[in-house]
Amino acid sequence: MNKIGFIGAGNMAEALINGLISSKLFKSNQILITDVIKKRADHIKSKYKVNIASDNKQLSKESDIIVLSVKPNHTAKVVSEIKTSITSKKILISIAAGIPTTLISKLLKKKSKIVRVMPNTPALVLAGASVLYCNEHVTDKEKEQIKGIFESVGIAHIIDNEGLLDPVTGLSGSGPAYVSIFIEALADGGVKMGLPRDLAHKLAAQTVYGTAKMIIEGDAHPAQFKDKVSSPGGTTIEGVHRLEEGGFRSSTISAVEAATRRSKELSKGDK
């Protein structure tokens, strides 16, 4: 891999740039960026010592891998701008939610290597979860290279069915919002019972982090961790009972289901 270019230098692009440089997959001088906001591009250049391309066309000409990190409604315009520079050897990665590879291929009007990725915001702290779909023109070796790029900011998985990116969006893509609400509610419960707000927030966030770490690093089902904490007739099982009374589990499943349906609607162009 020689050069990688980011069209759009927002938070996710910055997370990837940070990960690539930290993991030494790419050096700063191998990374190109563009952004419609000059101040943002200048900030990324100053912080990571990367290069700013004069425009999207120059970036796509000079880069072997091009990452589209723009808003979904800007994707068609950007692809149209750079399509003449996309050769059969270049790899185009899109992290735009709801934009299928078939649409990008249609815009390019040629056989191209296209990868669609659903990352999530914890990539900003190198703890992200990304799922990749690669079209038929991407080789197995290239798949592993692209997977490595996203592993620099967390975990990454490759799937063979692009349709699964909709439930991925509903679960890990939207999941940080659900978890944030839970942490906030957990802290509010502590405040209601007399804890100082700052302490309650720290305890709630650390509890979620620590539990997730145990589940990731262990080999037991989450239910087994729950059972370990729930002593007979104790405080935890009383709290679990109240969560079940309030439909906590059912509401969480419904949230993932609803977000998945919305992702499918956006993929079809529904407003």
C-alpha atoms as a PDB file:
ATOM      1  CA  MET A   1       0.000   0.000   0.000  1.00  0.00           C
ATOM      2  CA  ASN A   2       1.533   3.269  -1.115  1.00  0.00           C
ATOM      3  CA  LYS A   3      -0.904   6.134  -0.523  1.00  0.00           C
ATOM      4  CA  ILE A   4      -4.321   6.458   1.046  1.00  0.00           C
ATOM      5  CA  GLY A   5      -6.599   9.453   0.553  1.00  0.00           C
ATOM      6  CA  PHE A   6      -9.538  10.673   2.625  1.00  0.00           C
ATOM      7  CA  ILE A   7     -12.221  12.727   0.913  1.00  0.00           C
ATOM      8  CA  GLY A   8     -13.738  14.398   3.930  1.00  0.00           C
ATOM      9  CA  ALA A   9     -11.690  14.959   7.091  1.00  0.00           C
ATOM     10  CA  GLY A  10     -14.378  14.580   9.745  1.00  0.00           C
ATOM     11  CA  ASN A  11     -14.258  12.643  13.002  1.00  0.00           C
ATOM     12  CA  MET A  12     -14.214   9.165  11.467  1.00  0.00           C
ATOM     13  CA  ALA A  13     -11.509  10.111   8.977  1.00  0.00           C
ATOM     14  CA  GLU A  14      -9.440  11.580  11.810  1.00  0.00           C
ATOM     15  CA  ALA A  15      -9.903   8.397  13.858  1.00  0.00           C
ATOM     16  CA  LEU A  16      -8.640   6.292  10.940  1.00  0.00           C
ATOM     17  CA  ILE A  17      -5.715   8.622  10.267  1.00  0.00           C
ATOM     18  CA  ASN A  18      -4.742   8.445  13.936  1.00  0.00           C
ATOM     19  CA  GLY A  19      -5.031   4.652  13.907  1.00  0.00           C
ATOM     20  CA  LEU A  20      -3.046   4.214  10.699  1.00  0.00           C
ATOM     21  CA  ILE A  21      -0.189   6.388  11.915  1.00  0.00           C
ATOM     22  CA  SER A  22      -0.195   4.907  15.451  1.00  0.00           C
ATOM     23  CA  SER A  23      -0.131   1.355  14.069  1.00  0.00           C
ATOM     24  CA  LYS A  24       2.541   2.347  11.510  1.00  0.00           C
ATOM     25  CA  LEU A  25       0.480   0.963   8.618  1.00  0.00           C
ATOM     26  CA  PHE A  26       0.996   4.303   6.876  1.00  0.00           C
ATOM     27  CA  LYS A  27       3.374   7.183   7.413  1.00  0.00           C
ATOM     28  CA  SER A  28       2.065  10.736   7.511  1.00  0.00           C
ATOM     29  CA  ASN A  29       3.502  11.495   4.068  1.00  0.00           C
ATOM     30  CA  GLN A  30       1.507   8.588   2.602  1.00  0.00           C
ATOM     31  CA  ILE A  31      -1.820  10.151   3.619  1.00  0.00           C
ATOM     32  CA  LEU A  32      -3.746  12.723   1.582  1.00  0.00           C
ATOM     33  CA  ILE A  33      -6.882  14.593   2.647  1.00  0.00           C
ATOM     34  CA  THR A  34      -9.449  17.021   1.288  1.00  0.00           C
ATOM     35  CA  ASP A  35     -12.298  18.763   3.073  1.00  0.00           C
ATOM     36  CA  VAL A  36     -14.757  21.469   2.059  1.00  0.00           C
ATOM     37  CA  ILE A  37     -13.932  23.291   5.303  1.00  0.00           C
ATOM     38  CA  LYS A  38     -10.389  24.637   4.940  1.00  0.00           C
ATOM     39  CA  LYS A  39      -9.994  25.183   8.687  1.00  0.00           C
ATOM     40  CA  ARG A  40     -10.735  21.512   9.319  1.00  0.00           C
ATOM     41  CA  ALA A  41      -8.247  20.322   6.693  1.00  0.00           C
ATOM     42  CA  ASP A  42      -5.583  22.650   8.088  1.00  0.00           C
ATOM     43  CA  HIS A  43      -6.207  21.298  11.589  1.00  0.00           C
ATOM     44  CA  ILE A  44      -5.744  17.670  10.472  1.00  0.00           C
ATOM     45  CA  LYS A  45      -2.619  18.579   8.499  1.00  0.00           C
ATOM     46  CA  SER A  46      -1.106  20.380  11.489  1.00  0.00           C
ATOM     47  CA  LYS A  47      -1.962  17.635  13.981  1.00  0.00           C
ATOM     48  CA  TYR A  48      -0.946  14.574  11.933  1.00  0.00           C
ATOM     49  CA  LYS A  49       1.513  16.088   9.399  1.00  0.00           C
ATOM     50  CA  VAL A  50      -0.478  14.680   6.459  1.00  0.00           C
ATOM     51  CA  ASN A  51      -0.777  16.328   3.038  1.00  0.00           C
ATOM     52  CA  ILE A  52      -3.734  18.288   1.680  1.00  0.00           C
ATOM     53  CA  ALA A  53      -4.621  17.611  -1.971  1.00  0.00           C
ATOM     54  CA  SER A  54      -5.663  20.536  -4.139  1.00  0.00           C
ATOM     55  CA  ASP A  55      -9.006  18.860  -4.892  1.00  0.00           C
ATOM     56  CA  ASN A  56     -10.749  15.484  -4.942  1.00  0.00           C
ATOM     57  CA  LYS A  57      -9.509  14.673  -8.441  1.00  0.00           C
ATOM     58  CA  GLN A  58      -5.865  15.134  -7.483  1.00  0.00           C
ATOM     59  CA  LEU A  59      -6.386  13.048  -4.348  1.00  0.00           C
ATOM     60  CA  SER A  60      -7.949  10.173  -6.288  1.00  0.00           C
ATOM     61  CA  LYS A  61      -5.204  10.277  -8.930  1.00  0.00           C
ATOM     62  CA  GLU A  62      -2.396  10.099  -6.366  1.00  0.00           C
ATOM     63  CA  SER A  63      -3.993   7.601  -3.949  1.00  0.00           C
ATOM     64  CA  ASP A  64      -4.092   3.813  -4.239  1.00  0.00           C
ATOM     65  CA  ILE A  65      -6.919   3.644  -1.695  1.00  0.00           C
ATOM     66  CA  ILE A  66      -9.609   6.322  -1.577  1.00  0.00           C
ATOM     67  CA  VAL A  67     -11.868   6.614   1.465  1.00  0.00           C
ATOM     68  CA  LEU A  68     -15.188   8.390   0.958  1.00  0.00           C
ATOM     69  CA  SER A  69     -15.865   9.846   4.395  1.00  0.00           C
ATOM     70  CA  VAL A  70     -18.531  12.313   3.330  1.00  0.00           C
ATOM     71  CA  LYS A  71     -22.213  12.540   4.227  1.00  0.00           C
ATOM     72  CA  PRO A  72     -24.410  10.066   2.307  1.00  0.00           C
ATOM     73  CA  ASN A  73     -26.194  12.826   0.377  1.00  0.00           C
ATOM     74  CA  HIS A  74     -22.826  14.083  -0.947  1.00  0.00           C
ATOM     75  CA  THR A  75     -21.586  10.679  -2.118  1.00  0.00           C
ATOM     76  CA  ALA A  76     -23.019  10.788  -5.658  1.00  0.00           C
ATOM     77  CA  LYS A  77     -21.498  14.220  -6.344  1.00  0.00           C
ATOM     78  CA  VAL A  78     -18.057  13.200  -5.082  1.00  0.00           C
ATOM     79  CA  VAL A  79     -18.041   9.891  -6.997  1.00  0.00           C
ATOM     80  CA  SER A  80     -18.971  11.754 -10.187  1.00  0.00           C
ATOM     81  CA  GLU A  81     -16.044  14.119  -9.612  1.00  0.00           C
ATOM     82  CA  ILE A  82     -13.453  11.390  -9.245  1.00  0.00           C
ATOM     83  CA  LYS A  83     -14.754   8.606 -11.519  1.00  0.00           C
ATOM     84  CA  THR A  84     -12.269   9.303 -14.323  1.00  0.00           C
ATOM     85  CA  SER A  85      -9.406   8.782 -11.860  1.00  0.00           C
ATOM     86  CA  ILE A  86     -10.667   5.455 -10.496  1.00  0.00           C
ATOM     87  CA  THR A  87      -8.708   2.757 -12.331  1.00  0.00           C
ATOM     88  CA  SER A  88      -9.140  -1.003 -11.996  1.00  0.00           C
ATOM     89  CA  LYS A  89      -6.209  -1.116  -9.559  1.00  0.00           C
ATOM     90  CA  LYS A  90      -7.519   1.472  -7.084  1.00  0.00           C
ATOM     91  CA  ILE A  91      -9.725   0.580  -4.121  1.00  0.00           C
ATOM     92  CA  LEU A  92     -12.657   2.825  -3.236  1.00  0.00           C
ATOM     93  CA  ILE A  93     -13.900   2.577   0.365  1.00  0.00           C
ATOM     94  CA  SER A  94     -17.212   4.136   1.387  1.00  0.00           C
ATOM     95  CA  ILE A  95     -18.221   4.674   5.006  1.00  0.00           C
ATOM     96  CA  ALA A  96     -21.419   6.503   4.010  1.00  0.00           C
ATOM     97  CA  ALA A  97     -24.406   4.881   5.715  1.00  0.00           C
ATOM     98  CA  GLY A  98     -27.125   3.535   3.432  1.00  0.00           C
ATOM     99  CA  ILE A  99     -25.184   3.787   0.153  1.00  0.00           C
ATOM    100  CA  PRO A 100     -24.940   0.317  -1.492  1.00  0.00           C
ATOM    101  CA  THR A 101     -21.911  -0.704  -3.544  1.00  0.00           C
ATOM    102  CA  THR A 102     -24.160  -1.249  -6.559  1.00  0.00           C
ATOM    103  CA  LEU A 103     -25.067   2.447  -6.580  1.00  0.00           C
ATOM    104  CA  ILE A 104     -21.414   3.505  -6.410  1.00  0.00           C
ATOM    105  CA  SER A 105     -20.587   1.053  -9.197  1.00  0.00           C
ATOM    106  CA  LYS A 106     -23.389   2.481 -11.320  1.00  0.00           C
ATOM    107  CA  LEU A 107     -22.069   6.017 -10.767  1.00  0.00           C
ATOM    108  CA  LEU A 108     -18.542   4.963 -11.750  1.00  0.00           C
ATOM    109  CA  LYS A 109     -19.816   3.179 -14.892  1.00  0.00           C
ATOM    110  CA  LYS A 110     -16.944   0.685 -14.765  1.00  0.00           C
ATOM    111  CA  LYS A 111     -15.762  -2.441 -12.974  1.00  0.00           C
ATOM    112  CA  SER A 112     -14.127  -1.147  -9.810  1.00  0.00           C
ATOM    113  CA  LYS A 113     -12.898  -2.422  -6.457  1.00  0.00           C
ATOM    114  CA  ILE A 114     -15.470  -1.116  -3.946  1.00  0.00           C
ATOM    115  CA  VAL A 115     -15.619  -1.675  -0.204  1.00  0.00           C
ATOM    116  CA  ARG A 116     -18.520  -0.574   1.968  1.00  0.00           C
ATOM    117  CA  VAL A 117     -17.850  -0.240   5.681  1.00  0.00           C
ATOM    118  CA  MET A 118     -20.065   0.372   8.708  1.00  0.00           C
ATOM    119  CA  PRO A 119     -17.746   1.664  11.455  1.00  0.00           C
ATOM    120  CA  ASN A 120     -18.893   3.187  14.733  1.00  0.00           C
ATOM    121  CA  THR A 121     -17.908   6.183  16.835  1.00  0.00           C
ATOM    122  CA  PRO A 122     -15.767   4.367  19.464  1.00  0.00           C
ATOM    123  CA  ALA A 123     -13.185   4.251  16.664  1.00  0.00           C
ATOM    124  CA  LEU A 124     -12.370   7.758  17.922  1.00  0.00           C
ATOM    125  CA  VAL A 125     -10.746   6.128  20.974  1.00  0.00           C
ATOM    126  CA  LEU A 126      -9.362   3.162  18.988  1.00  0.00           C
ATOM    127  CA  ALA A 127     -12.138   0.890  20.320  1.00  0.00           C
ATOM    128  CA  GLY A 128     -14.404   0.763  17.298  1.00  0.00           C
ATOM    129  CA  ALA A 129     -16.320  -2.085  15.690  1.00  0.00           C
ATOM    130  CA  SER A 130     -16.303  -2.114  11.877  1.00  0.00           C
ATOM    131  CA  VAL A 131     -17.953  -4.495   9.433  1.00  0.00           C
ATOM    132  CA  LEU A 132     -16.798  -4.618   5.805  1.00  0.00           C
ATOM    133  CA  TYR A 133     -18.396  -5.813   2.580  1.00  0.00           C
ATOM    134  CA  CYS A 134     -16.117  -6.070  -0.463  1.00  0.00           C
ATOM    135  CA  ASN A 135     -17.462  -6.456  -3.986  1.00  0.00           C
ATOM    136  CA  GLU A 136     -16.330  -9.231  -6.327  1.00  0.00           C
ATOM    137  CA  HIS A 137     -13.428  -7.227  -7.783  1.00  0.00           C
ATOM    138  CA  VAL A 138     -11.543  -6.992  -4.455  1.00  0.00           C
ATOM    139  CA  THR A 139      -8.970  -9.787  -4.067  1.00  0.00           C
ATOM    140  CA  ASP A 140      -8.543 -11.814  -0.877  1.00  0.00           C
ATOM    141  CA  LYS A 141      -5.182 -10.133  -0.254  1.00  0.00           C
ATOM    142  CA  GLU A 142      -6.757  -6.688  -0.653  1.00  0.00           C
ATOM    143  CA  LYS A 143      -9.587  -7.660   1.714  1.00  0.00           C
ATOM    144  CA  GLU A 144      -7.058  -8.420   4.428  1.00  0.00           C
ATOM    145  CA  GLN A 145      -5.253  -5.126   3.762  1.00  0.00           C
ATOM    146  CA  ILE A 146      -8.478  -3.155   4.094  1.00  0.00           C
ATOM    147  CA  LYS A 147      -9.454  -5.117   7.187  1.00  0.00           C
ATOM    148  CA  GLY A 148      -6.093  -4.139   8.689  1.00  0.00           C
ATOM    149  CA  ILE A 149      -6.886  -0.462   8.132  1.00  0.00           C
ATOM    150  CA  PHE A 150     -10.026  -0.728  10.252  1.00  0.00           C
ATOM    151  CA  GLU A 151      -8.379  -2.981  12.813  1.00  0.00           C
ATOM    152  CA  SER A 152      -6.097  -0.034  13.532  1.00  0.00           C
ATOM    153  CA  VAL A 153      -9.089   1.588  15.274  1.00  0.00           C
ATOM    154  CA  GLY A 154     -10.677  -1.479  16.904  1.00  0.00           C
ATOM    155  CA  ILE A 155     -12.077  -4.781  15.656  1.00  0.00           C
ATOM    156  CA  ALA A 156     -13.133  -5.482  12.065  1.00  0.00           C
ATOM    157  CA  HIS A 157     -15.096  -8.264  10.394  1.00  0.00           C
ATOM    158  CA  ILE A 158     -15.652  -9.057   6.701  1.00  0.00           C
ATOM    159  CA  ILE A 159     -19.069 -10.285   5.570  1.00  0.00           C
ATOM    160  CA  ASP A 160     -20.141 -11.809   2.241  1.00  0.00           C
ATOM    161  CA  ASN A 161     -23.734 -10.526   2.305  1.00  0.00           C
ATOM    162  CA  GLU A 162     -24.039  -6.755   1.915  1.00  0.00           C
ATOM    163  CA  GLY A 163     -27.601  -6.888   3.219  1.00  0.00           C
ATOM    164  CA  LEU A 164     -26.247  -7.685   6.690  1.00  0.00           C
ATOM    165  CA  LEU A 165     -24.856  -4.143   6.903  1.00  0.00           C
ATOM    166  CA  ASP A 166     -28.381  -2.936   7.728  1.00  0.00           C
ATOM    167  CA  PRO A 167     -28.622  -4.910  11.012  1.00  0.00           C
ATOM    168  CA  VAL A 168     -24.960  -4.018  11.670  1.00  0.00           C
ATOM    169  CA  THR A 169     -26.031  -0.369  11.415  1.00  0.00           C
ATOM    170  CA  GLY A 170     -28.937  -1.016  13.787  1.00  0.00           C
ATOM    171  CA  LEU A 171     -26.696  -2.762  16.323  1.00  0.00           C
ATOM    172  CA  SER A 172     -23.116  -1.449  16.419  1.00  0.00           C
ATOM    173  CA  GLY A 173     -23.648   1.659  14.280  1.00  0.00           C
ATOM    174  CA  SER A 174     -26.463   3.022  16.439  1.00  0.00           C
ATOM    175  CA  GLY A 175     -25.458   1.076  19.555  1.00  0.00           C
ATOM    176  CA  PRO A 176     -23.239   3.788  21.090  1.00  0.00           C
ATOM    177  CA  ALA A 177     -26.367   5.958  21.425  1.00  0.00           C
ATOM    178  CA  TYR A 178     -28.272   3.179  23.211  1.00  0.00           C
ATOM    179  CA  VAL A 179     -25.358   2.528  25.561  1.00  0.00           C
ATOM    180  CA  SER A 180     -24.984   6.260  26.259  1.00  0.00           C
ATOM    181  CA  ILE A 181     -28.653   6.431  27.267  1.00  0.00           C
ATOM    182  CA  PHE A 182     -28.163   3.448  29.580  1.00  0.00           C
ATOM    183  CA  ILE A 183     -25.097   5.035  31.189  1.00  0.00           C
ATOM    184  CA  GLU A 184     -27.007   8.294  31.667  1.00  0.00           C
ATOM    185  CA  ALA A 185     -29.973   6.448  33.191  1.00  0.00           C
ATOM    186  CA  LEU A 186     -27.688   4.386  35.435  1.00  0.00           C
ATOM    187  CA  ALA A 187     -26.057   7.600  36.672  1.00  0.00           C
ATOM    188  CA  ASP A 188     -29.460   9.244  37.189  1.00  0.00           C
ATOM    189  CA  GLY A 189     -30.451   6.307  39.374  1.00  0.00           C
ATOM    190  CA  GLY A 190     -27.353   6.865  41.484  1.00  0.00           C
ATOM    191  CA  VAL A 191     -28.109  10.584  41.770  1.00  0.00           C
ATOM    192  CA  LYS A 192     -31.698   9.810  42.829  1.00  0.00           C
ATOM    193  CA  MET A 193     -30.286   7.629  45.592  1.00  0.00           C
ATOM    194  CA  GLY A 194     -27.939  10.381  46.798  1.00  0.00           C
ATOM    195  CA  LEU A 195     -24.687  10.020  44.854  1.00  0.00           C
ATOM    196  CA  PRO A 196     -22.939  13.183  43.579  1.00  0.00           C
ATOM    197  CA  ARG A 197     -23.508  13.588  39.821  1.00  0.00           C
ATOM    198  CA  ASP A 198     -19.822  13.438  38.867  1.00  0.00           C
ATOM    199  CA  LEU A 199     -19.228  10.248  40.847  1.00  0.00           C
ATOM    200  CA  ALA A 200     -22.397   8.646  39.475  1.00  0.00           C
ATOM    201  CA  HIS A 201     -21.311   9.315  35.864  1.00  0.00           C
ATOM    202  CA  LYS A 202     -17.833   7.900  36.466  1.00  0.00           C
ATOM    203  CA  LEU A 203     -19.174   4.779  38.179  1.00  0.00           C
ATOM    204  CA  ALA A 204     -21.785   4.180  35.463  1.00  0.00           C
ATOM    205  CA  ALA A 205     -19.338   4.578  32.562  1.00  0.00           C
ATOM    206  CA  GLN A 206     -16.633   2.469  34.216  1.00  0.00           C
ATOM    207  CA  THR A 207     -19.151  -0.251  35.055  1.00  0.00           C
ATOM    208  CA  VAL A 208     -20.225  -0.522  31.402  1.00  0.00           C
ATOM    209  CA  TYR A 209     -16.605  -0.438  30.226  1.00  0.00           C
ATOM    210  CA  GLY A 210     -15.464  -3.056  32.723  1.00  0.00           C
ATOM    211  CA  THR A 211     -18.373  -5.393  32.016  1.00  0.00           C
ATOM    212  CA  ALA A 212     -17.803  -5.141  28.263  1.00  0.00           C
ATOM    213  CA  LYS A 213     -14.095  -5.866  28.780  1.00  0.00           C
ATOM    214  CA  MET A 214     -14.887  -8.991  30.801  1.00  0.00           C
ATOM    215  CA  ILE A 215     -17.277 -10.258  28.127  1.00  0.00           C
ATOM    216  CA  ILE A 216     -14.850  -9.532  25.269  1.00  0.00           C
ATOM    217  CA  GLU A 217     -11.865 -11.114  27.009  1.00  0.00           C
ATOM    218  CA  GLY A 218     -13.811 -14.025  28.511  1.00  0.00           C
ATOM    219  CA  ASP A 219     -15.487 -16.939  26.783  1.00  0.00           C
ATOM    220  CA  ALA A 220     -18.775 -16.987  28.704  1.00  0.00           C
ATOM    221  CA  HIS A 221     -22.219 -15.849  27.529  1.00  0.00           C
ATOM    222  CA  PRO A 222     -23.322 -12.429  28.886  1.00  0.00           C
ATOM    223  CA  ALA A 223     -26.107 -14.190  30.791  1.00  0.00           C
ATOM    224  CA  GLN A 224     -23.481 -16.098  32.782  1.00  0.00           C
ATOM    225  CA  PHE A 225     -21.868 -12.829  33.909  1.00  0.00           C
ATOM    226  CA  LYS A 226     -25.312 -11.570  34.903  1.00  0.00           C
ATOM    227  CA  ASP A 227     -25.965 -14.729  36.924  1.00  0.00           C
ATOM    228  CA  LYS A 228     -22.626 -14.401  38.765  1.00  0.00           C
ATOM    229  CA  VAL A 229     -23.655 -10.998  40.106  1.00  0.00           C
ATOM    230  CA  SER A 230     -27.254 -11.976  40.888  1.00  0.00           C
ATOM    231  CA  SER A 231     -27.158 -13.610  44.326  1.00  0.00           C
ATOM    232  CA  PRO A 232     -30.342 -15.372  45.534  1.00  0.00           C
ATOM    233  CA  GLY A 233     -32.620 -12.846  47.214  1.00  0.00           C
ATOM    234  CA  GLY A 234     -30.019 -10.106  46.724  1.00  0.00           C
ATOM    235  CA  THR A 235     -29.952  -6.539  45.475  1.00  0.00           C
ATOM    236  CA  THR A 236     -29.005  -7.267  41.861  1.00  0.00           C
ATOM    237  CA  ILE A 237     -31.801  -9.732  41.104  1.00  0.00           C
ATOM    238  CA  GLU A 238     -34.267  -7.190  42.516  1.00  0.00           C
ATOM    239  CA  GLY A 239     -32.923  -4.594  40.089  1.00  0.00           C
ATOM    240  CA  VAL A 240     -32.971  -7.060  37.165  1.00  0.00           C
ATOM    241  CA  HIS A 241     -36.624  -7.836  37.971  1.00  0.00           C
ATOM    242  CA  ARG A 242     -37.494  -4.128  37.692  1.00  0.00           C
ATOM    243  CA  LEU A 243     -35.645  -3.830  34.377  1.00  0.00           C
ATOM    244  CA  GLU A 244     -37.630  -6.763  33.015  1.00  0.00           C
ATOM    245  CA  GLU A 245     -40.868  -5.222  34.308  1.00  0.00           C
ATOM    246  CA  GLY A 246     -40.051  -2.090  32.329  1.00  0.00           C
ATOM    247  CA  GLY A 247     -39.414  -4.040  29.129  1.00  0.00           C
ATOM    248  CA  PHE A 248     -35.701  -3.237  29.047  1.00  0.00           C
ATOM    249  CA  ARG A 249     -34.706  -6.288  27.011  1.00  0.00           C
ATOM    250  CA  SER A 250     -37.689  -6.016  24.644  1.00  0.00           C
ATOM    251  CA  SER A 251     -37.143  -2.273  24.114  1.00  0.00           C
ATOM    252  CA  THR A 252     -33.479  -2.832  23.260  1.00  0.00           C
ATOM    253  CA  ILE A 253     -34.341  -5.501  20.693  1.00  0.00           C
ATOM    254  CA  SER A 254     -36.999  -3.199  19.231  1.00  0.00           C
ATOM    255  CA  ALA A 255     -34.469  -0.349  18.983  1.00  0.00           C
ATOM    256  CA  VAL A 256     -32.079  -2.492  16.906  1.00  0.00           C
ATOM    257  CA  GLU A 257     -35.000  -3.684  14.767  1.00  0.00           C
ATOM    258  CA  ALA A 258     -36.259  -0.137  14.147  1.00  0.00           C
ATOM    259  CA  ALA A 259     -32.801   1.202  13.277  1.00  0.00           C
ATOM    260  CA  THR A 260     -32.260  -1.729  10.889  1.00  0.00           C
ATOM    261  CA  ARG A 261     -35.539  -0.992   9.106  1.00  0.00           C
ATOM    262  CA  ARG A 262     -34.562   2.669   8.793  1.00  0.00           C
ATOM    263  CA  SER A 263     -31.168   1.703   7.350  1.00  0.00           C
ATOM    264  CA  LYS A 264     -32.933  -0.398   4.706  1.00  0.00           C
ATOM    265  CA  GLU A 265     -35.214   2.537   3.867  1.00  0.00           C
ATOM    266  CA  LEU A 266     -32.232   4.862   3.451  1.00  0.00           C
ATOM    267  CA  SER A 267     -30.500   2.289   1.209  1.00  0.00           C
ATOM    268  CA  LYS A 268     -33.533   2.410  -1.068  1.00  0.00           C
ATOM    269  CA  GLY A 269     -33.493   6.209  -1.107  1.00  0.00           C
ATOM    270  CA  ASP A 270     -36.559   6.677   1.125  1.00  0.00           C
ATOM    271  CA  LYS A 271     -36.668   9.942   3.033  1.00  0.00           C
END
